Amino acid sequence: MSTTTIALVTGGNRGIGRSVVEALAADGRDVIFTYNSGEGRAKEVVDAVAAQGRVAVAVHLDVTQPASFPGFADTVRQTLRDRWDRETFDILVNNAGIALHTPLGATDEETMDRLFAVHVKGIYLLTQTLATAPEGTAPLLADGGRVVNTSTGLARFVTPPYAVYGAVKGAVEVLTRYWAVELGGRGISVNTIAPGPVNTDFDGGYLRDENLQQIFSGLTAQGRVADADDIGPAVAALVREGTNWITGQRIEASGGFRI
């Protein structure tokens, strides 16, 4: 049986998720990661992790489809057995997400439902599937493990038109505190990482606009907008050995944006 630390990262084929996968691999962890679209990018991540001498396995998952979660859990369980001769994994990073504009007076129900489905319902039910199990059976997330939920600086500061996105990420932060208590008896720590502005293709890559970058850089203590690789290592650091006593916390990785 492998004693390698194994992580599961949702939305790991691009942007911050890819950075998390590669940072965990650089720290000596193997990774199962999910993708909803972009299978080619997922293969690139698998190859990048292999180049570091670690193992990554890409599995398709749509976090808005809870009916698929039991089957996904079966796939994870079989992957653990086949690749690592294991029954459990050690780190869960809930990263998959979308951002949609929701200005007051021009937001429809479908948009709100999509954001809730990804960032609240999906995260809750997927974590429930992976971190708990019926009595007499073992959960996939090991005792002593870690959960890291991804929030956003927009749950702290206001930047229209992201009201609903900020609100559902606020719900993620509340869930983090509850889960820290509910899973704490098993030695599992649960924390939130909250990025500020990050230059990725998230929300159509709006932060690639040089004028906007200049404005946001002027609001940031470190004088620039983040890249994805500013965030992945922060997640990896949060789950290193010796940090398990940190739990129930919101840790903002924003370079000091609007402090």
C-alpha atoms as a PDB file:
ATOM      1  CA  MET A   1       0.000   0.000   0.000  1.00  0.00           C
ATOM      2  CA  SER A   2       1.332   3.422  -0.981  1.00  0.00           C
ATOM      3  CA  THR A   3       2.038   5.922   1.793  1.00  0.00           C
ATOM      4  CA  THR A   4       2.102   8.819  -0.675  1.00  0.00           C
ATOM      5  CA  THR A   5      -0.162  11.729   0.241  1.00  0.00           C
ATOM      6  CA  ILE A   6      -2.966  11.908  -2.323  1.00  0.00           C
ATOM      7  CA  ALA A   7      -5.070  14.975  -3.091  1.00  0.00           C
ATOM      8  CA  LEU A   8      -8.325  15.392  -4.986  1.00  0.00           C
ATOM      9  CA  VAL A   9      -8.749  18.769  -6.695  1.00  0.00           C
ATOM     10  CA  THR A  10     -11.903  19.813  -8.530  1.00  0.00           C
ATOM     11  CA  GLY A  11     -11.516  21.966 -11.628  1.00  0.00           C
ATOM     12  CA  GLY A  12      -7.830  21.144 -11.898  1.00  0.00           C
ATOM     13  CA  ASN A  13      -7.254  21.450 -15.628  1.00  0.00           C
ATOM     14  CA  ARG A  14      -6.788  25.216 -15.891  1.00  0.00           C
ATOM     15  CA  GLY A  15      -6.120  28.454 -14.052  1.00  0.00           C
ATOM     16  CA  ILE A  16      -5.894  28.323 -10.280  1.00  0.00           C
ATOM     17  CA  GLY A  17      -6.904  24.663 -10.216  1.00  0.00           C
ATOM     18  CA  ARG A  18      -4.005  23.676 -12.451  1.00  0.00           C
ATOM     19  CA  SER A  19      -1.641  25.701 -10.302  1.00  0.00           C
ATOM     20  CA  VAL A  20      -2.928  23.885  -7.210  1.00  0.00           C
ATOM     21  CA  VAL A  21      -2.396  20.479  -8.828  1.00  0.00           C
ATOM     22  CA  GLU A  22       1.141  21.316  -9.926  1.00  0.00           C
ATOM     23  CA  ALA A  23       2.059  22.924  -6.586  1.00  0.00           C
ATOM     24  CA  LEU A  24       0.843  19.861  -4.701  1.00  0.00           C
ATOM     25  CA  ALA A  25       2.896  17.656  -7.026  1.00  0.00           C
ATOM     26  CA  ALA A  26       5.954  19.847  -6.423  1.00  0.00           C
ATOM     27  CA  ASP A  27       5.426  19.181  -2.715  1.00  0.00           C
ATOM     28  CA  GLY A  28       5.555  15.426  -3.344  1.00  0.00           C
ATOM     29  CA  ARG A  29       1.824  14.695  -3.518  1.00  0.00           C
ATOM     30  CA  ASP A  30      -0.020  12.642  -6.118  1.00  0.00           C
ATOM     31  CA  VAL A  31      -3.303  14.062  -7.383  1.00  0.00           C
ATOM     32  CA  ILE A  32      -6.670  13.049  -8.744  1.00  0.00           C
ATOM     33  CA  PHE A  33      -8.220  16.090 -10.387  1.00  0.00           C
ATOM     34  CA  THR A  34     -11.478  16.763 -12.186  1.00  0.00           C
ATOM     35  CA  TYR A  35     -12.394  18.658 -15.309  1.00  0.00           C
ATOM     36  CA  ASN A  36     -15.787  19.474 -16.793  1.00  0.00           C
ATOM     37  CA  SER A  37     -14.550  20.530 -20.234  1.00  0.00           C
ATOM     38  CA  GLY A  38     -11.122  20.871 -21.802  1.00  0.00           C
ATOM     39  CA  GLU A  39      -9.974  17.261 -21.878  1.00  0.00           C
ATOM     40  CA  GLY A  40      -6.865  18.308 -23.841  1.00  0.00           C
ATOM     41  CA  ARG A  41      -5.854  20.692 -21.072  1.00  0.00           C
ATOM     42  CA  ALA A  42      -6.398  17.932 -18.543  1.00  0.00           C
ATOM     43  CA  LYS A  43      -3.935  15.731 -20.433  1.00  0.00           C
ATOM     44  CA  GLU A  44      -1.404  18.587 -20.357  1.00  0.00           C
ATOM     45  CA  VAL A  45      -1.711  18.739 -16.574  1.00  0.00           C
ATOM     46  CA  VAL A  46      -1.236  14.970 -16.270  1.00  0.00           C
ATOM     47  CA  ASP A  47       1.941  15.260 -18.356  1.00  0.00           C
ATOM     48  CA  ALA A  48       3.203  18.259 -16.361  1.00  0.00           C
ATOM     49  CA  VAL A  49       2.792  16.353 -13.100  1.00  0.00           C
ATOM     50  CA  ALA A  50       4.510  13.297 -14.576  1.00  0.00           C
ATOM     51  CA  ALA A  51       7.448  15.530 -15.530  1.00  0.00           C
ATOM     52  CA  GLN A  52       7.783  16.287 -11.803  1.00  0.00           C
ATOM     53  CA  GLY A  53       7.962  12.577 -11.040  1.00  0.00           C
ATOM     54  CA  ARG A  54       4.481  12.417  -9.538  1.00  0.00           C
ATOM     55  CA  VAL A  55       1.200  10.826 -10.620  1.00  0.00           C
ATOM     56  CA  ALA A  56      -1.945  12.705 -11.671  1.00  0.00           C
ATOM     57  CA  VAL A  57      -5.218  11.165 -12.830  1.00  0.00           C
ATOM     58  CA  ALA A  58      -7.868  13.254 -14.603  1.00  0.00           C
ATOM     59  CA  VAL A  59     -11.539  12.355 -14.096  1.00  0.00           C
ATOM     60  CA  HIS A  60     -14.537  14.056 -15.683  1.00  0.00           C
ATOM     61  CA  LEU A  61     -17.012  15.655 -13.273  1.00  0.00           C
ATOM     62  CA  ASP A  62     -19.758  18.262 -13.567  1.00  0.00           C
ATOM     63  CA  VAL A  63     -20.277  19.602 -10.045  1.00  0.00           C
ATOM     64  CA  THR A  64     -23.776  20.794 -10.983  1.00  0.00           C
ATOM     65  CA  GLN A  65     -24.927  17.170 -11.380  1.00  0.00           C
ATOM     66  CA  PRO A  66     -25.196  15.673  -7.860  1.00  0.00           C
ATOM     67  CA  ALA A  67     -26.780  12.495  -9.224  1.00  0.00           C
ATOM     68  CA  SER A  68     -23.365  11.678 -10.697  1.00  0.00           C
ATOM     69  CA  PHE A  69     -21.517  11.987  -7.375  1.00  0.00           C
ATOM     70  CA  PRO A  70     -21.960   8.360  -6.206  1.00  0.00           C
ATOM     71  CA  GLY A  71     -20.593   7.127  -9.530  1.00  0.00           C
ATOM     72  CA  PHE A  72     -17.739   9.629  -9.300  1.00  0.00           C
ATOM     73  CA  ALA A  73     -16.951   8.351  -5.804  1.00  0.00           C
ATOM     74  CA  ASP A  74     -16.844   4.796  -7.175  1.00  0.00           C
ATOM     75  CA  THR A  75     -14.389   5.947  -9.848  1.00  0.00           C
ATOM     76  CA  VAL A  76     -12.204   7.614  -7.231  1.00  0.00           C
ATOM     77  CA  ARG A  77     -12.281   4.516  -5.057  1.00  0.00           C
ATOM     78  CA  GLN A  78     -11.289   2.263  -7.949  1.00  0.00           C
ATOM     79  CA  THR A  79      -8.559   4.683  -9.037  1.00  0.00           C
ATOM     80  CA  LEU A  80      -7.132   4.702  -5.519  1.00  0.00           C
ATOM     81  CA  ARG A  81      -7.046   0.908  -5.482  1.00  0.00           C
ATOM     82  CA  ASP A  82      -5.557   0.544  -8.961  1.00  0.00           C
ATOM     83  CA  ARG A  83      -2.912   3.290  -8.783  1.00  0.00           C
ATOM     84  CA  TRP A  84      -1.981   3.399  -5.119  1.00  0.00           C
ATOM     85  CA  ASP A  85      -3.431   0.269  -3.468  1.00  0.00           C
ATOM     86  CA  ARG A  86      -5.316   2.635  -1.180  1.00  0.00           C
ATOM     87  CA  GLU A  87      -8.888   3.017   0.031  1.00  0.00           C
ATOM     88  CA  THR A  88      -8.694   6.707   0.951  1.00  0.00           C
ATOM     89  CA  PHE A  89      -7.211  10.026  -0.134  1.00  0.00           C
ATOM     90  CA  ASP A  90      -5.852  12.764   2.127  1.00  0.00           C
ATOM     91  CA  ILE A  91      -6.630  16.249   0.776  1.00  0.00           C
ATOM     92  CA  LEU A  92      -9.788  17.632  -0.844  1.00  0.00           C
ATOM     93  CA  VAL A  93      -9.573  20.973  -2.641  1.00  0.00           C
ATOM     94  CA  ASN A  94     -12.972  22.296  -3.739  1.00  0.00           C
ATOM     95  CA  ASN A  95     -11.850  24.611  -6.527  1.00  0.00           C
ATOM     96  CA  ALA A  96     -14.245  24.212  -9.478  1.00  0.00           C
ATOM     97  CA  GLY A  97     -16.228  27.361 -10.126  1.00  0.00           C
ATOM     98  CA  ILE A  98     -17.737  29.909 -12.468  1.00  0.00           C
ATOM     99  CA  ALA A  99     -18.314  33.673 -12.248  1.00  0.00           C
ATOM    100  CA  LEU A 100     -21.355  35.377 -13.729  1.00  0.00           C
ATOM    101  CA  HIS A 101     -22.413  39.022 -13.704  1.00  0.00           C
ATOM    102  CA  THR A 102     -25.439  39.743 -11.511  1.00  0.00           C
ATOM    103  CA  PRO A 103     -26.241  43.481 -11.447  1.00  0.00           C
ATOM    104  CA  LEU A 104     -29.264  44.353  -9.348  1.00  0.00           C
ATOM    105  CA  GLY A 105     -32.194  44.917 -11.690  1.00  0.00           C
ATOM    106  CA  ALA A 106     -30.801  42.757 -14.509  1.00  0.00           C
ATOM    107  CA  THR A 107     -30.283  39.302 -12.970  1.00  0.00           C
ATOM    108  CA  ASP A 108     -32.501  36.364 -13.815  1.00  0.00           C
ATOM    109  CA  GLU A 109     -33.331  33.285 -11.772  1.00  0.00           C
ATOM    110  CA  GLU A 110     -31.386  30.936 -14.040  1.00  0.00           C
ATOM    111  CA  THR A 111     -28.145  32.847 -13.459  1.00  0.00           C
ATOM    112  CA  MET A 112     -28.631  32.740  -9.696  1.00  0.00           C
ATOM    113  CA  ASP A 113     -29.443  29.030  -9.828  1.00  0.00           C
ATOM    114  CA  ARG A 114     -26.258  28.277 -11.802  1.00  0.00           C
ATOM    115  CA  LEU A 115     -24.062  30.077  -9.295  1.00  0.00           C
ATOM    116  CA  PHE A 116     -25.767  28.383  -6.362  1.00  0.00           C
ATOM    117  CA  ALA A 117     -25.545  24.968  -8.051  1.00  0.00           C
ATOM    118  CA  VAL A 118     -21.782  25.232  -8.548  1.00  0.00           C
ATOM    119  CA  HIS A 119     -20.638  27.027  -5.429  1.00  0.00           C
ATOM    120  CA  VAL A 120     -23.030  25.888  -2.711  1.00  0.00           C
ATOM    121  CA  LYS A 121     -25.096  22.850  -3.638  1.00  0.00           C
ATOM    122  CA  GLY A 122     -22.344  21.162  -5.637  1.00  0.00           C
ATOM    123  CA  ILE A 123     -19.602  21.775  -3.082  1.00  0.00           C
ATOM    124  CA  TYR A 124     -21.813  20.713  -0.194  1.00  0.00           C
ATOM    125  CA  LEU A 125     -23.083  17.487  -1.727  1.00  0.00           C
ATOM    126  CA  LEU A 126     -19.734  16.491  -3.227  1.00  0.00           C
ATOM    127  CA  THR A 127     -17.942  17.020   0.080  1.00  0.00           C
ATOM    128  CA  GLN A 128     -20.680  15.073   1.818  1.00  0.00           C
ATOM    129  CA  THR A 129     -20.191  12.217  -0.637  1.00  0.00           C
ATOM    130  CA  LEU A 130     -16.420  12.116  -0.226  1.00  0.00           C
ATOM    131  CA  ALA A 131     -15.931  13.038   3.436  1.00  0.00           C
ATOM    132  CA  THR A 132     -18.725  11.033   5.048  1.00  0.00           C
ATOM    133  CA  ALA A 133     -20.135   7.528   4.692  1.00  0.00           C
ATOM    134  CA  PRO A 134     -22.967   5.422   6.084  1.00  0.00           C
ATOM    135  CA  GLU A 135     -22.288   3.755   9.415  1.00  0.00           C
ATOM    136  CA  GLY A 136     -20.193   0.638   8.971  1.00  0.00           C
ATOM    137  CA  THR A 137     -18.375   1.931   5.891  1.00  0.00           C
ATOM    138  CA  ALA A 138     -15.286   4.138   5.557  1.00  0.00           C
ATOM    139  CA  PRO A 139     -15.318   7.604   3.943  1.00  0.00           C
ATOM    140  CA  LEU A 140     -13.007   8.250   1.017  1.00  0.00           C
ATOM    141  CA  LEU A 141     -11.426  11.246   2.773  1.00  0.00           C
ATOM    142  CA  ALA A 142      -9.060   9.827   5.375  1.00  0.00           C
ATOM    143  CA  ASP A 143      -9.095  10.705   9.066  1.00  0.00           C
ATOM    144  CA  GLY A 144      -6.484  13.378   9.702  1.00  0.00           C
ATOM    145  CA  GLY A 145      -7.083  14.752   6.219  1.00  0.00           C
ATOM    146  CA  ARG A 146      -7.557  18.266   4.920  1.00  0.00           C
ATOM    147  CA  VAL A 147     -10.286  20.173   3.114  1.00  0.00           C
ATOM    148  CA  VAL A 148      -9.592  23.483   1.382  1.00  0.00           C
ATOM    149  CA  ASN A 149     -12.522  25.414  -0.077  1.00  0.00           C
ATOM    150  CA  THR A 150     -11.965  28.186  -2.596  1.00  0.00           C
ATOM    151  CA  SER A 151     -13.685  31.492  -1.907  1.00  0.00           C
ATOM    152  CA  THR A 152     -12.893  34.969  -3.235  1.00  0.00           C
ATOM    153  CA  GLY A 153     -11.882  38.395  -2.044  1.00  0.00           C
ATOM    154  CA  LEU A 154     -15.285  39.480  -3.386  1.00  0.00           C
ATOM    155  CA  ALA A 155     -16.821  38.040  -0.219  1.00  0.00           C
ATOM    156  CA  ARG A 156     -14.945  40.802   1.670  1.00  0.00           C
ATOM    157  CA  PHE A 157     -14.828  43.791  -0.690  1.00  0.00           C
ATOM    158  CA  VAL A 158     -17.467  44.985  -3.143  1.00  0.00           C
ATOM    159  CA  THR A 159     -16.849  45.031  -6.903  1.00  0.00           C
ATOM    160  CA  PRO A 160     -20.092  45.138  -8.922  1.00  0.00           C
ATOM    161  CA  PRO A 161     -21.519  43.284 -10.778  1.00  0.00           C
ATOM    162  CA  TYR A 162     -20.544  40.207  -8.714  1.00  0.00           C
ATOM    163  CA  ALA A 163     -23.097  40.374  -5.893  1.00  0.00           C
ATOM    164  CA  VAL A 164     -24.433  36.819  -6.200  1.00  0.00           C
ATOM    165  CA  TYR A 165     -20.987  35.355  -6.833  1.00  0.00           C
ATOM    166  CA  GLY A 166     -19.696  37.094  -3.710  1.00  0.00           C
ATOM    167  CA  ALA A 167     -22.741  35.921  -1.761  1.00  0.00           C
ATOM    168  CA  VAL A 168     -22.407  32.253  -2.678  1.00  0.00           C
ATOM    169  CA  LYS A 169     -18.706  32.386  -1.870  1.00  0.00           C
ATOM    170  CA  GLY A 170     -19.690  33.870   1.470  1.00  0.00           C
ATOM    171  CA  ALA A 171     -21.801  30.751   1.957  1.00  0.00           C
ATOM    172  CA  VAL A 172     -18.708  28.641   1.227  1.00  0.00           C
ATOM    173  CA  GLU A 173     -16.904  30.433   4.038  1.00  0.00           C
ATOM    174  CA  VAL A 174     -19.763  29.657   6.436  1.00  0.00           C
ATOM    175  CA  LEU A 175     -19.724  25.992   5.359  1.00  0.00           C
ATOM    176  CA  THR A 176     -15.993  25.930   6.061  1.00  0.00           C
ATOM    177  CA  ARG A 177     -16.558  26.835   9.703  1.00  0.00           C
ATOM    178  CA  TYR A 178     -19.349  24.298  10.133  1.00  0.00           C
ATOM    179  CA  TRP A 179     -17.333  21.507   8.535  1.00  0.00           C
ATOM    180  CA  ALA A 180     -14.318  22.348  10.682  1.00  0.00           C
ATOM    181  CA  VAL A 181     -16.510  21.431  13.666  1.00  0.00           C
ATOM    182  CA  GLU A 182     -18.345  18.511  12.071  1.00  0.00           C
ATOM    183  CA  LEU A 183     -15.167  16.846  10.763  1.00  0.00           C
ATOM    184  CA  GLY A 184     -12.843  17.980  13.533  1.00  0.00           C
ATOM    185  CA  GLY A 185     -13.466  14.875  15.608  1.00  0.00           C
ATOM    186  CA  ARG A 186     -11.738  12.872  12.886  1.00  0.00           C
ATOM    187  CA  GLY A 187      -8.727  15.170  12.940  1.00  0.00           C
ATOM    188  CA  ILE A 188      -9.711  16.779   9.624  1.00  0.00           C
ATOM    189  CA  SER A 189      -8.957  20.479   9.211  1.00  0.00           C
ATOM    190  CA  VAL A 190     -11.147  22.621   6.954  1.00  0.00           C
ATOM    191  CA  ASN A 191     -10.107  26.049   5.688  1.00  0.00           C
ATOM    192  CA  THR A 192     -10.922  28.581   2.990  1.00  0.00           C
ATOM    193  CA  ILE A 193      -8.439  30.143   0.592  1.00  0.00           C
ATOM    194  CA  ALA A 194      -9.741  33.417  -0.847  1.00  0.00           C
ATOM    195  CA  PRO A 195      -7.861  34.794  -3.889  1.00  0.00           C
ATOM    196  CA  GLY A 196      -8.069  38.430  -4.873  1.00  0.00           C
ATOM    197  CA  PRO A 197      -7.807  39.517  -8.526  1.00  0.00           C
ATOM    198  CA  VAL A 198      -6.000  36.797 -10.519  1.00  0.00           C
ATOM    199  CA  ASN A 199      -4.980  37.024 -14.168  1.00  0.00           C
ATOM    200  CA  THR A 200      -6.492  33.830 -15.600  1.00  0.00           C
ATOM    201  CA  ASP A 201      -9.186  33.025 -18.180  1.00  0.00           C
ATOM    202  CA  PHE A 202     -11.772  33.062 -15.368  1.00  0.00           C
ATOM    203  CA  ASP A 203     -14.884  35.086 -16.301  1.00  0.00           C
ATOM    204  CA  GLY A 204     -13.666  35.369 -19.867  1.00  0.00           C
ATOM    205  CA  GLY A 205     -10.197  36.527 -18.853  1.00  0.00           C
ATOM    206  CA  TYR A 206     -11.383  40.034 -17.993  1.00  0.00           C
ATOM    207  CA  LEU A 207      -8.270  40.710 -15.908  1.00  0.00           C
ATOM    208  CA  ARG A 208      -6.068  40.455 -18.995  1.00  0.00           C
ATOM    209  CA  ASP A 209      -7.110  44.015 -19.783  1.00  0.00           C
ATOM    210  CA  GLU A 210      -4.002  46.138 -19.156  1.00  0.00           C
ATOM    211  CA  ASN A 211      -5.969  49.176 -17.966  1.00  0.00           C
ATOM    212  CA  LEU A 212      -7.850  47.103 -15.413  1.00  0.00           C
ATOM    213  CA  GLN A 213      -4.639  45.464 -14.266  1.00  0.00           C
ATOM    214  CA  GLN A 214      -3.129  48.904 -13.710  1.00  0.00           C
ATOM    215  CA  ILE A 215      -6.120  50.013 -11.636  1.00  0.00           C
ATOM    216  CA  PHE A 216      -6.125  46.860  -9.503  1.00  0.00           C
ATOM    217  CA  SER A 217      -2.354  46.922  -9.101  1.00  0.00           C
ATOM    218  CA  GLY A 218      -2.712  50.385  -7.570  1.00  0.00           C
ATOM    219  CA  LEU A 219      -5.107  48.947  -4.988  1.00  0.00           C
ATOM    220  CA  THR A 220      -2.797  46.072  -4.039  1.00  0.00           C
ATOM    221  CA  ALA A 221      -0.115  46.306  -1.348  1.00  0.00           C
ATOM    222  CA  GLN A 222       2.328  44.313  -3.467  1.00  0.00           C
ATOM    223  CA  GLY A 223       1.645  46.489  -6.505  1.00  0.00           C
ATOM    224  CA  ARG A 224       0.454  43.937  -9.040  1.00  0.00           C
ATOM    225  CA  VAL A 225      -2.348  41.549  -9.971  1.00  0.00           C
ATOM    226  CA  ALA A 226      -1.799  37.883  -9.111  1.00  0.00           C
ATOM    227  CA  ASP A 227      -1.061  35.068 -11.509  1.00  0.00           C
ATOM    228  CA  ALA A 228      -2.492  31.596 -10.925  1.00  0.00           C
ATOM    229  CA  ASP A 229       0.891  30.467  -9.650  1.00  0.00           C
ATOM    230  CA  ASP A 230       0.590  32.864  -6.739  1.00  0.00           C
ATOM    231  CA  ILE A 231      -2.394  30.861  -5.473  1.00  0.00           C
ATOM    232  CA  GLY A 232      -1.497  27.200  -6.019  1.00  0.00           C
ATOM    233  CA  PRO A 233       1.557  27.312  -3.745  1.00  0.00           C
ATOM    234  CA  ALA A 234      -0.517  29.035  -1.051  1.00  0.00           C
ATOM    235  CA  VAL A 235      -2.922  26.084  -1.063  1.00  0.00           C
ATOM    236  CA  ALA A 236      -0.033  23.624  -1.008  1.00  0.00           C
ATOM    237  CA  ALA A 237       1.478  25.442   1.975  1.00  0.00           C
ATOM    238  CA  LEU A 238      -1.827  25.307   3.839  1.00  0.00           C
ATOM    239  CA  VAL A 239      -1.930  21.492   3.698  1.00  0.00           C
ATOM    240  CA  ARG A 240       1.704  20.770   4.516  1.00  0.00           C
ATOM    241  CA  GLU A 241       2.645  18.656   7.496  1.00  0.00           C
ATOM    242  CA  GLY A 242       2.466  20.652  10.699  1.00  0.00           C
ATOM    243  CA  THR A 243      -0.437  22.917   9.705  1.00  0.00           C
ATOM    244  CA  ASN A 244      -3.338  20.677  10.744  1.00  0.00           C
ATOM    245  CA  TRP A 245      -4.035  22.834  13.812  1.00  0.00           C
ATOM    246  CA  ILE A 246      -5.141  25.627  11.485  1.00  0.00           C
ATOM    247  CA  THR A 247      -8.851  25.037  10.910  1.00  0.00           C
ATOM    248  CA  GLY A 248     -12.059  26.938  10.331  1.00  0.00           C
ATOM    249  CA  GLN A 249     -10.127  29.887   8.908  1.00  0.00           C
ATOM    250  CA  ARG A 250     -10.514  32.177   5.925  1.00  0.00           C
ATOM    251  CA  ILE A 251      -7.081  32.898   4.468  1.00  0.00           C
ATOM    252  CA  GLU A 252      -7.040  35.617   1.849  1.00  0.00           C
ATOM    253  CA  ALA A 253      -4.341  35.306  -0.825  1.00  0.00           C
ATOM    254  CA  SER A 254      -4.696  38.701  -2.488  1.00  0.00           C
ATOM    255  CA  GLY A 255      -1.316  40.387  -2.170  1.00  0.00           C
ATOM    256  CA  GLY A 256      -2.994  42.879   0.139  1.00  0.00           C
ATOM    257  CA  PHE A 257      -5.814  43.988  -2.174  1.00  0.00           C
ATOM    258  CA  ARG A 258      -7.886  46.782  -0.640  1.00  0.00           C
ATOM    259  CA  ILE A 259      -6.488  46.447   2.862  1.00  0.00           C
END
